[in-house]
């Protein structure tokens, strides 16, 4: 009898990692389903009046106007780095005239949407998650429900709509300023001709490349606002819960931006 009990204990010990893995998988799938339903509810409410235009404009100012400086600052130095590294690499193949297209395509298709999205997430996404999280722990969201106001319509939908508008605009600013930064390095500092830099860029950059960056920035706007609002809406109670949800919102948003960028790059390749 004692040996049978020992055997059962051994089996439990062996199967414990499998049980923990199953528990983690179930919790992950449950959380994923909860977040997807949250997004679908927000999208559905976005097409049903009344519309919160004032809050949309307010969030455009919060996410867009207030993030312009950091996006421009990041963009110009990104373009300058691309100009230096691109010139160094192309100089080995005597192809310095291709510096303009390389800088432009890198910024328009990839770095513009991705880096501007990460910058907006760091500056506005974290604040957005913390704001909604504080409203949750101070029972302001419960008060909205008591007043017969839909919290998702009031808090989430304006942020998603603002993200769809703001992210493409700031991505375009990022790419434009980055191209100018590449010009400063390639033309003004390294001596590349003005015509070579912009002439080859005009020949090689197509409307399809611009469309790829545009679609990416829109999808990143939806992802960031969705994740940040979701993490704040379902935050844990107390200061620890808000800080945890804010950290998770920023980390998950940045990771999803990079993962989704890969899939979109593969689709539009």
Protein backbone atom coordinates (compact mmCIF):
# COMPACT_ATOMS: atom_id res chain seq x y z
CA UNK A 1 0.00 0.00 0.00
CA UNK A 2 2.80 2.38 0.94
CA UNK A 3 4.63 1.59 -2.31
CA UNK A 4 1.49 2.39 -4.33
CA UNK A 5 1.17 5.75 -2.57
CA UNK A 6 4.80 6.51 -3.33
CA UNK A 7 4.26 5.61 -6.97
CA UNK A 8 1.25 7.93 -7.14
CA UNK A 9 3.29 10.75 -5.59
CA UNK A 10 6.04 10.15 -8.15
CA UNK A 11 3.50 10.34 -10.99
CA UNK A 12 2.11 13.59 -9.59
CA UNK A 13 5.60 15.07 -9.42
CA UNK A 14 6.34 14.01 -13.02
CA UNK A 15 3.04 15.36 -14.33
CA UNK A 16 3.23 18.66 -12.43
CA UNK A 17 5.12 20.53 -15.20
CA UNK A 18 2.57 19.26 -17.73
CA UNK A 19 -0.29 20.50 -15.54
CA UNK A 20 1.36 23.88 -15.10
CA UNK A 21 1.88 24.16 -18.86
CA UNK A 22 -1.77 23.27 -19.43
CA UNK A 23 -2.89 25.85 -16.88
CA UNK A 24 -0.74 28.55 -18.51
CA UNK A 25 -2.08 27.62 -21.95
CA UNK A 26 -5.69 27.76 -20.79
CA UNK A 27 -5.18 31.15 -19.12
CA UNK A 28 -3.47 32.48 -22.24
CA UNK A 29 -6.30 31.35 -24.51
CA UNK A 30 -8.90 32.74 -22.10
CA UNK A 31 -7.13 36.12 -21.96
CA UNK A 32 -6.71 36.19 -25.73
CA UNK A 33 -10.40 35.52 -26.27
CA UNK A 34 -11.32 38.18 -23.73
CA UNK A 35 -9.13 40.77 -25.46
CA UNK A 36 -10.47 39.92 -28.93
CA UNK A 37 -14.07 40.25 -27.72
CA UNK A 38 -13.09 43.59 -26.15
CA UNK A 39 -11.75 44.81 -29.51
CA UNK A 40 -14.81 43.62 -31.44
CA UNK A 41 -17.11 45.42 -29.03
CA UNK A 42 -15.15 48.63 -29.45
CA UNK A 43 -15.17 48.36 -33.26
CA UNK A 44 -18.91 47.66 -33.28
CA UNK A 45 -19.63 50.63 -31.03
CA UNK A 46 -17.51 52.85 -33.29
CA UNK A 47 -20.17 52.54 -36.01
CA UNK A 48 -23.16 53.12 -33.74
CA UNK A 49 -24.15 56.69 -32.75
CA UNK A 50 -23.93 58.78 -30.65
CA UNK A 51 -20.31 59.62 -31.44
CA UNK A 52 -17.94 61.15 -28.91
CA UNK A 53 -16.28 63.61 -31.30
CA UNK A 54 -14.99 65.85 -28.52
CA UNK A 55 -13.16 62.96 -26.89
CA UNK A 56 -11.77 61.83 -30.23
CA UNK A 57 -10.32 65.31 -30.85
CA UNK A 58 -9.00 65.41 -27.31
CA UNK A 59 -7.23 62.08 -27.74
CA UNK A 60 -5.84 63.14 -31.12
CA UNK A 61 -4.23 66.08 -29.34
CA UNK A 62 -3.02 63.86 -26.51
CA UNK A 63 -1.53 61.09 -28.67
CA UNK A 64 -0.63 63.09 -31.74
CA UNK A 65 0.23 66.71 -31.03
CA UNK A 66 1.96 65.97 -27.74
CA UNK A 67 4.02 63.18 -29.34
CA UNK A 68 5.17 65.19 -32.36
CA UNK A 69 8.42 66.45 -30.85
CA UNK A 70 9.70 63.05 -29.73
CA UNK A 71 8.76 61.52 -33.11
CA UNK A 72 10.57 64.29 -35.04
CA UNK A 73 13.64 64.04 -32.78
CA UNK A 74 13.80 60.26 -33.19
CA UNK A 75 13.16 60.50 -36.92
CA UNK A 76 15.96 62.92 -37.75
CA UNK A 77 18.59 60.95 -35.85
CA UNK A 78 17.35 57.67 -37.34
CA UNK A 79 17.73 59.16 -40.81
CA UNK A 80 21.21 60.42 -39.97
CA UNK A 81 22.28 57.00 -38.75
CA UNK A 82 20.87 55.41 -41.89
CA UNK A 83 22.76 57.97 -43.97
CA UNK A 84 26.08 57.19 -42.29
CA UNK A 85 25.72 53.40 -42.31
CA UNK A 86 24.20 53.32 -45.78
CA UNK A 87 26.98 55.46 -47.27
CA UNK A 88 29.64 53.32 -45.58
CA UNK A 89 28.13 50.11 -46.97
CA UNK A 90 27.39 51.42 -50.46
CA UNK A 91 30.84 52.98 -50.76
CA UNK A 92 32.32 49.46 -50.83
CA UNK A 93 30.37 48.73 -54.02
CA UNK A 94 30.74 52.20 -55.57
CA UNK A 95 26.95 52.63 -55.35
CA UNK A 96 26.69 55.80 -53.26
CA UNK A 97 24.00 57.14 -55.59
CA UNK A 98 21.58 54.60 -54.12
CA UNK A 99 21.80 56.14 -50.67
CA UNK A 100 18.61 58.19 -51.14
CA UNK A 101 16.38 55.23 -52.13
CA UNK A 102 17.78 53.07 -49.33
CA UNK A 103 17.11 55.71 -46.70
CA UNK A 104 13.64 56.49 -48.09
CA UNK A 105 12.51 52.87 -48.49
CA UNK A 106 13.82 51.89 -45.05
CA UNK A 107 11.95 54.75 -43.41
CA UNK A 108 8.73 54.57 -45.43
CA UNK A 109 8.24 50.81 -45.37
CA UNK A 110 9.72 49.77 -42.02
CA UNK A 111 11.38 52.16 -39.62
CA UNK A 112 8.86 54.98 -39.91
CA UNK A 113 5.77 53.00 -38.87
CA UNK A 114 7.63 50.80 -36.36
CA UNK A 115 9.72 53.37 -34.51
CA UNK A 116 7.03 56.04 -34.48
CA UNK A 117 4.60 53.43 -33.13
CA UNK A 118 7.01 52.46 -30.38
CA UNK A 119 7.63 56.11 -29.48
CA UNK A 120 3.90 56.84 -29.27
CA UNK A 121 3.43 53.72 -27.16
CA UNK A 122 6.16 54.80 -24.75
CA UNK A 123 4.83 58.35 -24.41
CA UNK A 124 1.06 58.09 -24.81
CA UNK A 125 0.21 54.39 -24.55
CA UNK A 126 1.59 54.05 -21.04
CA UNK A 127 -0.30 57.15 -19.88
CA UNK A 128 -3.47 55.88 -21.54
CA UNK A 129 -3.28 52.54 -19.75
CA UNK A 130 -2.52 54.19 -16.41
CA UNK A 131 -5.38 56.68 -16.81
CA UNK A 132 -7.98 53.99 -17.48
CA UNK A 133 -6.47 51.79 -14.77
CA UNK A 134 -6.80 54.55 -12.19
CA UNK A 135 -10.40 55.07 -13.29
CA UNK A 136 -10.98 51.37 -12.66
CA UNK A 137 -9.50 51.23 -9.17
CA UNK A 138 -11.23 54.47 -8.13
CA UNK A 139 -14.56 53.02 -9.38
CA UNK A 140 -15.09 55.77 -11.95
CA UNK A 141 -15.83 53.12 -14.59
CA UNK A 142 -18.46 51.62 -12.28
CA UNK A 143 -19.93 55.11 -11.91
CA UNK A 144 -20.22 55.41 -15.69
CA UNK A 145 -22.14 52.14 -15.78
CA UNK A 146 -24.42 53.36 -12.98
CA UNK A 147 -25.19 56.44 -15.11
CA UNK A 148 -26.15 54.18 -18.03
CA UNK A 149 -23.06 55.16 -20.01
CA UNK A 150 -21.14 52.47 -21.86
CA UNK A 151 -17.52 52.70 -20.61
CA UNK A 152 -16.14 51.13 -23.77
CA UNK A 153 -17.93 53.69 -25.96
CA UNK A 154 -16.80 56.55 -23.71
CA UNK A 155 -13.23 55.48 -22.95
CA UNK A 156 -12.03 52.99 -25.58
CA UNK A 157 -13.66 53.90 -28.91
CA UNK A 158 -12.29 57.51 -29.00
CA UNK A 159 -8.78 56.22 -28.34
CA UNK A 160 -8.94 53.64 -31.14
CA UNK A 161 -10.31 56.20 -33.61
CA UNK A 162 -7.65 58.70 -32.56
CA UNK A 163 -4.95 56.05 -32.99
CA UNK A 164 -6.13 55.26 -36.52
CA UNK A 165 -5.80 58.97 -37.39
CA UNK A 166 -2.64 59.83 -35.46
CA UNK A 167 -0.32 56.92 -36.25
CA UNK A 168 -0.23 57.38 -40.07
CA UNK A 169 0.34 61.13 -39.73
CA UNK A 170 3.20 60.78 -37.28
CA UNK A 171 4.66 57.92 -39.32
CA UNK A 172 4.70 60.23 -42.35
CA UNK A 173 6.40 62.95 -40.27
CA UNK A 174 8.96 60.42 -39.07
CA UNK A 175 9.79 59.29 -42.62
CA UNK A 176 9.95 62.85 -43.96
CA UNK A 177 12.22 64.10 -41.20
CA UNK A 178 14.33 60.94 -41.46
CA UNK A 179 14.86 61.51 -45.19
CA UNK A 180 15.97 65.05 -44.38
CA UNK A 181 18.37 63.66 -41.75
CA UNK A 182 19.84 61.30 -44.35
CA UNK A 183 20.22 64.29 -46.67
CA UNK A 184 22.16 66.23 -44.03
CA UNK A 185 24.62 63.40 -43.61
CA UNK A 186 24.87 62.13 -47.18
CA UNK A 187 24.84 65.44 -49.07
CA UNK A 188 26.00 68.11 -46.64
CA UNK A 189 28.57 66.08 -44.69
CA UNK A 190 29.78 63.30 -46.99
CA UNK A 191 29.62 65.17 -50.28
CA UNK A 192 27.03 63.16 -52.19
CA UNK A 193 25.36 65.20 -54.91
CA UNK A 194 21.88 66.60 -54.33
CA UNK A 195 20.62 65.19 -57.64
CA UNK A 196 21.84 61.67 -56.90
CA UNK A 197 20.19 61.62 -53.48
CA UNK A 198 16.74 62.80 -54.53
CA UNK A 199 16.80 61.74 -58.19
CA UNK A 200 17.24 58.03 -57.52
CA UNK A 201 14.75 58.26 -54.68
CA UNK A 202 12.10 59.62 -57.05
CA UNK A 203 12.78 56.79 -59.50
CA UNK A 204 12.69 53.90 -57.03
CA UNK A 205 10.12 54.85 -54.38
CA UNK A 206 6.63 53.91 -55.62
CA UNK A 207 3.11 54.49 -54.37
CA UNK A 208 3.02 50.84 -53.31
CA UNK A 209 5.88 51.45 -50.87
CA UNK A 210 4.00 54.40 -49.39
CA UNK A 211 0.84 52.29 -49.14
CA UNK A 212 2.71 49.58 -47.21
CA UNK A 213 3.86 52.08 -44.61
CA UNK A 214 0.36 53.58 -44.44
CA UNK A 215 -1.34 50.23 -43.81
CA UNK A 216 1.25 49.28 -41.23
CA UNK A 217 0.81 52.51 -39.30
CA UNK A 218 -2.99 52.11 -39.24
CA UNK A 219 -2.70 48.55 -37.92
CA UNK A 220 -0.16 49.65 -35.29
CA UNK A 221 -2.56 52.39 -34.18
CA UNK A 222 -5.29 49.82 -33.62
CA UNK A 223 -2.94 47.41 -31.84
CA UNK A 224 -1.46 49.96 -29.44
CA UNK A 225 -4.73 51.60 -28.43
CA UNK A 226 -6.45 48.22 -28.13
CA UNK A 227 -3.78 46.69 -25.89
CA UNK A 228 -3.32 49.79 -23.72
CA UNK A 229 -7.05 50.27 -23.22
CA UNK A 230 -7.57 46.57 -22.49
CA UNK A 231 -4.79 46.41 -19.92
CA UNK A 232 -6.03 49.55 -18.21
CA UNK A 233 -9.69 48.48 -18.32
CA UNK A 234 -8.99 45.14 -16.63
CA UNK A 235 -6.24 46.30 -14.29
CA UNK A 236 -5.73 44.86 -10.85
CA UNK A 237 -6.61 46.90 -7.80
CA UNK A 238 -4.13 49.09 -6.02
CA UNK A 239 -1.05 50.95 -7.14
CA UNK A 240 0.70 47.68 -7.85
CA UNK A 241 -2.08 46.61 -10.21
CA UNK A 242 -1.93 49.87 -12.17
CA UNK A 243 1.86 49.77 -12.46
CA UNK A 244 1.76 46.14 -13.59
CA UNK A 245 -0.93 46.76 -16.21
CA UNK A 246 0.92 49.83 -17.52
CA UNK A 247 4.17 47.90 -17.88
CA UNK A 248 2.40 45.00 -19.58
CA UNK A 249 0.61 47.38 -21.94
CA UNK A 250 3.87 48.94 -23.15
CA UNK A 251 5.75 45.65 -23.43
CA UNK A 252 2.96 43.75 -25.17
CA UNK A 253 2.28 46.65 -27.56
CA UNK A 254 5.93 46.91 -28.60
CA UNK A 255 6.25 43.15 -29.07
CA UNK A 256 3.04 42.98 -31.10
CA UNK A 257 4.23 45.87 -33.28
CA UNK A 258 7.39 43.94 -34.16
CA UNK A 259 5.58 40.63 -34.66
CA UNK A 260 2.80 42.14 -36.78
CA UNK A 261 5.37 44.10 -38.77
CA UNK A 262 7.02 40.82 -39.78
CA UNK A 263 3.74 39.30 -40.96
CA UNK A 264 2.77 42.42 -42.90
CA UNK A 265 6.24 42.64 -44.45
CA UNK A 266 5.91 39.01 -45.56
CA UNK A 267 2.45 39.69 -47.00
CA UNK A 268 3.46 42.80 -48.93
CA UNK A 269 6.86 41.48 -50.04
